[in-house]
Each structure stands twice: as C-alpha cells, then as structure tokens.
Amino acid sequence: MHIQVSGKHIDVGDALRTHVETSLVESVGKYFERPAEAIVTFSKDAHEFVSDLSVHLPTGLNVQAKSRANEIYAAFEGSVDRMEKQLRRYKRRLKDHHRSRENPIETLGEASYILAANDHDEEMEPESLQPVIIAEMETKVPNLSVGEAVMQMELAGAPLLVFRNEKHGGVNVVYTREDGNIGWIDPRNSQ
C-alpha cells in the first residue's frame, strides 16, 4: 500500500508516520486484499489538529474522511474511524461494483475554472455580466452508473458529484438535497 503522509506547517515525525502506515494497512486490509493508495494530511486550526484522509481504492473509487481533535493522534484515529464506517457500510456494494465492472473506472480530464467573488457594493451595477476567471485547472469527471455516482459522492463526503452517465455518455449530477434525499439531474431524460 502506498501511503503519503504530510503536514501543513506541522512536522510529521517518524513515530506518527509509522502509526499512520500501520493503522491504514490494517484498516483498508480488512476490506480489500489488493493495495490501495492513501494521502494523509495533518494541519492545525486554532487549538485543534485536523486529519484529512483520502484513500484511492483498488475498485477505482475514493474515500475521504476528516476529523478534528485536541491531539494529533486522536484526530487521525477519528478520520480512520469515519473511513472504516464508510467502508463497512458499502463493503458489499464496493465488492459487487468491482466484480460487475469489466474495465476500471474511466475518467476524463475536463476544464474547471475559479471565478472571482463579486465584492462590489450591492448598490452598484456591475460593468459586465462576464465573470472574471482567476484560475483554470483540470478536473477528473468519472464515467459511472447513477448508483456508483451516489456511492462515490457519499464516500467522498461531497455535497454533489458531476459524472458522465455510463448508459448514454451525457453529463449528469447527483447531489444531496436539503431534505436529506439524493437528487439526480439528467438533462438527457428531460427531452
């Protein structure tokens, strides 16, 4: 298992690095025999330590978990506990997903932009309706079924996921609604 441990303005010592590697190998090994990749980032927010954990599973899906605590080891253990809860919840579906999928999940690199915030006075009318692009990057858009997209969104802890629908190749969105249910936008079905 390839594990990358880093700290943002925090020195990650050998003892913590060893603890992280041992815990992740054990935790992910409960659910998958094949190796996975993990990135663990530690940071400090006021008086709390933050552990941000991202695991790329051999099935092609990603699990993300974040935890805060007064001690760095407790923050890490909290994020591992959250990751294990997600893996336990989806264990059967993750294994079925891997068996039923003949090819790995295909992702396409699409353009993504960051727009400048509108800091103008609300009384003033903007000069133009064209947004100001302050950054451009590439975003991976996976080719998934709707069920896989919902599972990926929940595993990543994201409020929404943009994906290409495996059935017809069109761009779709799944999102968490305010009432707790999952919404699905499929422009192709609206015609």
Protein backbone atom coordinates (compact mmCIF):
# COMPACT_ATOMS: atom_id res chain seq x y z
CA MET A 1 0.00 0.00 0.00
CA HIS A 2 1.41 3.39 -0.98
CA ILE A 3 0.83 5.97 1.78
CA GLN A 4 1.80 9.63 1.64
CA VAL A 5 1.86 11.44 5.00
CA SER A 6 2.39 15.19 5.11
CA GLY A 7 1.77 18.16 7.34
CA LYS A 8 0.78 21.74 6.61
CA HIS A 9 3.05 23.81 8.84
CA ILE A 10 3.44 20.75 11.09
CA ASP A 11 6.46 18.48 11.34
CA VAL A 12 5.24 14.90 10.96
CA GLY A 13 7.68 12.73 12.90
CA ASP A 14 8.68 9.14 12.26
CA ALA A 15 6.51 7.81 15.12
CA LEU A 16 3.35 9.39 13.72
CA ARG A 17 4.23 8.32 10.17
CA THR A 18 4.73 4.70 11.34
CA HIS A 19 1.46 4.78 13.30
CA VAL A 20 -0.43 6.11 10.24
CA GLU A 21 1.02 3.48 7.92
CA THR A 22 0.33 0.60 10.32
CA SER A 23 -3.24 1.73 11.01
CA LEU A 24 -4.14 2.28 7.36
CA VAL A 25 -2.68 -1.03 6.16
CA GLU A 26 -4.71 -2.81 8.86
CA SER A 27 -7.93 -0.82 8.29
CA VAL A 28 -8.01 -0.98 4.49
CA GLY A 29 -6.75 -4.59 4.55
CA LYS A 30 -9.97 -5.64 6.33
CA TYR A 31 -11.94 -4.77 3.21
CA PHE A 32 -9.54 -5.13 0.24
CA GLU A 33 -6.78 -7.60 -0.47
CA ARG A 34 -5.31 -5.53 -3.29
CA PRO A 35 -3.20 -2.47 -2.48
CA ALA A 36 -4.70 0.98 -2.29
CA GLU A 37 -3.18 4.45 -2.24
CA ALA A 38 -3.66 6.88 0.63
CA ILE A 39 -2.87 10.51 1.32
CA VAL A 40 -2.98 11.78 4.90
CA THR A 41 -2.54 15.48 5.59
CA PHE A 42 -2.26 16.97 9.06
CA SER A 43 -2.85 20.65 9.80
CA LYS A 44 -3.61 22.86 12.76
CA ASP A 45 -6.72 25.04 13.07
CA ALA A 46 -6.54 27.28 16.14
CA HIS A 47 -6.05 24.84 19.04
CA GLU A 48 -7.21 21.73 17.16
CA PHE A 49 -5.36 19.30 14.92
CA VAL A 50 -7.06 18.33 11.66
CA SER A 51 -6.52 14.99 9.93
CA ASP A 52 -7.61 14.82 6.29
CA LEU A 53 -7.57 11.28 4.87
CA SER A 54 -8.10 10.31 1.23
CA VAL A 55 -7.88 6.67 0.09
CA HIS A 56 -7.99 5.63 -3.57
CA LEU A 57 -9.45 2.11 -3.53
CA PRO A 58 -8.47 -0.65 -5.97
CA THR A 59 -12.05 -0.50 -7.34
CA GLY A 60 -11.32 3.00 -8.67
CA LEU A 61 -13.45 4.82 -6.10
CA ASN A 62 -12.20 7.26 -3.47
CA VAL A 63 -12.99 7.51 0.24
CA GLN A 64 -12.41 10.74 2.12
CA ALA A 65 -12.65 11.39 5.85
CA LYS A 66 -11.76 14.34 8.02
CA SER A 67 -11.53 14.68 11.78
CA ARG A 68 -10.56 17.29 14.37
CA ALA A 69 -9.24 16.80 17.89
CA ASN A 70 -7.03 18.43 20.50
CA GLU A 71 -4.33 15.80 19.91
CA ILE A 72 -2.89 14.81 16.53
CA TYR A 73 -3.21 11.05 17.13
CA ALA A 74 -6.85 11.44 18.18
CA ALA A 75 -7.57 13.46 15.03
CA PHE A 76 -6.06 10.69 12.88
CA GLU A 77 -7.96 7.95 14.72
CA GLY A 78 -11.20 9.90 14.20
CA SER A 79 -10.63 10.08 10.44
CA VAL A 80 -9.76 6.36 10.28
CA ASP A 81 -12.93 5.52 12.24
CA ARG A 82 -15.02 7.54 9.76
CA MET A 83 -13.33 5.86 6.80
CA GLU A 84 -13.93 2.39 8.29
CA LYS A 85 -17.59 3.24 8.90
CA GLN A 86 -17.97 4.23 5.24
CA LEU A 87 -16.17 1.10 4.03
CA ARG A 88 -18.23 -1.13 6.34
CA ARG A 89 -21.43 0.49 5.08
CA TYR A 90 -20.51 -0.02 1.43
CA LYS A 91 -18.44 -3.21 1.65
CA ARG A 92 -20.86 -5.42 -0.27
CA ARG A 93 -21.62 -2.77 -2.87
CA LEU A 94 -17.93 -1.99 -3.38
CA LYS A 95 -17.08 -5.64 -3.94
CA ASP A 96 -20.08 -6.14 -6.27
CA HIS A 97 -19.08 -2.97 -8.14
CA HIS A 98 -15.62 -4.39 -8.74
CA ARG A 99 -16.91 -7.78 -9.96
CA SER A 100 -19.54 -6.39 -12.30
CA ARG A 101 -17.21 -3.83 -13.86
CA GLU A 102 -15.09 -5.30 -16.64
CA ASN A 103 -12.87 -2.23 -17.05
CA PRO A 104 -11.57 0.20 -14.44
CA ILE A 105 -13.44 3.47 -13.94
CA GLU A 106 -12.63 5.78 -16.81
CA THR A 107 -12.12 9.46 -16.04
CA LEU A 108 -11.95 12.32 -18.49
CA GLY A 109 -10.00 15.49 -17.82
CA GLU A 110 -12.32 18.47 -18.18
CA ALA A 111 -11.63 22.17 -17.79
CA SER A 112 -12.53 23.71 -14.44
CA TYR A 113 -12.45 27.40 -13.58
CA ILE A 114 -12.38 29.50 -10.43
CA LEU A 115 -14.30 32.75 -10.76
CA ALA A 116 -13.58 35.91 -8.80
CA ALA A 117 -16.02 36.66 -6.00
CA ASN A 118 -18.31 39.61 -6.56
CA ASP A 119 -17.00 42.00 -3.90
CA HIS A 120 -18.71 45.02 -5.38
CA ASP A 121 -21.11 47.15 -3.41
CA GLU A 122 -24.63 45.73 -3.81
CA GLU A 123 -25.89 49.20 -4.79
CA MET A 124 -23.52 49.40 -7.76
CA GLU A 125 -24.39 47.71 -11.00
CA PRO A 126 -21.59 45.50 -12.39
CA GLU A 127 -19.89 46.76 -15.56
CA SER A 128 -20.31 43.40 -17.28
CA LEU A 129 -22.08 40.13 -16.65
CA GLN A 130 -18.97 38.25 -17.74
CA PRO A 131 -17.27 36.64 -14.70
CA VAL A 132 -13.57 37.18 -14.10
CA ILE A 133 -11.63 33.90 -14.29
CA ILE A 134 -8.83 33.84 -11.73
CA ALA A 135 -7.66 30.22 -12.18
CA GLU A 136 -8.04 27.36 -14.62
CA MET A 137 -7.35 23.72 -13.85
CA GLU A 138 -8.31 20.21 -14.89
CA THR A 139 -10.99 18.23 -13.07
CA LYS A 140 -11.48 14.48 -13.44
CA VAL A 141 -15.03 13.55 -14.46
CA PRO A 142 -15.65 9.81 -13.92
CA ASN A 143 -17.75 7.61 -16.19
CA LEU A 144 -20.15 5.90 -13.74
CA SER A 145 -23.62 4.45 -13.35
CA VAL A 146 -26.04 6.50 -11.25
CA GLY A 147 -25.72 4.08 -8.31
CA GLU A 148 -21.92 4.24 -8.45
CA ALA A 149 -22.08 8.06 -8.60
CA VAL A 150 -24.26 8.21 -5.47
CA MET A 151 -21.92 5.81 -3.68
CA GLN A 152 -18.83 7.83 -4.76
CA MET A 153 -20.44 11.09 -3.64
CA GLU A 154 -21.23 9.66 -0.20
CA LEU A 155 -17.80 8.03 0.17
CA ALA A 156 -16.12 11.32 -0.68
CA GLY A 157 -18.38 13.24 1.71
CA ALA A 158 -19.16 15.69 -1.08
CA PRO A 159 -22.45 17.60 -1.45
CA LEU A 160 -22.55 16.84 -5.19
CA LEU A 161 -20.81 14.88 -7.94
CA VAL A 162 -20.63 15.62 -11.66
CA PHE A 163 -20.19 12.47 -13.76
CA ARG A 164 -20.71 11.03 -17.23
CA ASN A 165 -23.61 8.59 -17.27
CA GLU A 166 -22.37 5.16 -18.35
CA LYS A 167 -25.62 4.46 -20.22
CA HIS A 168 -25.56 7.36 -22.65
CA GLY A 169 -22.35 9.33 -22.03
CA GLY A 170 -24.19 12.51 -21.07
CA VAL A 171 -23.12 14.73 -18.19
CA ASN A 172 -25.19 14.14 -15.03
CA VAL A 173 -25.17 15.46 -11.47
CA VAL A 174 -26.14 13.78 -8.21
CA TYR A 175 -26.47 15.94 -5.11
CA THR A 176 -27.67 15.87 -1.52
CA ARG A 177 -30.95 17.74 -1.13
CA GLU A 178 -31.84 19.85 1.91
CA ASP A 179 -34.39 17.20 2.98
CA GLY A 180 -31.60 14.57 3.11
CA ASN A 181 -32.62 12.72 -0.05
CA ILE A 182 -30.44 12.41 -3.14
CA GLY A 183 -31.23 14.47 -6.24
CA TRP A 184 -30.24 13.40 -9.76
CA ILE A 185 -30.04 15.75 -12.71
CA ASP A 186 -30.08 14.05 -16.11
CA PRO A 187 -30.62 16.64 -18.88
CA ARG A 188 -30.88 13.89 -21.47
CA ASN A 189 -34.08 12.49 -19.87
CA SER A 190 -35.82 15.89 -19.90
CA GLN A 191 -36.29 15.93 -23.68
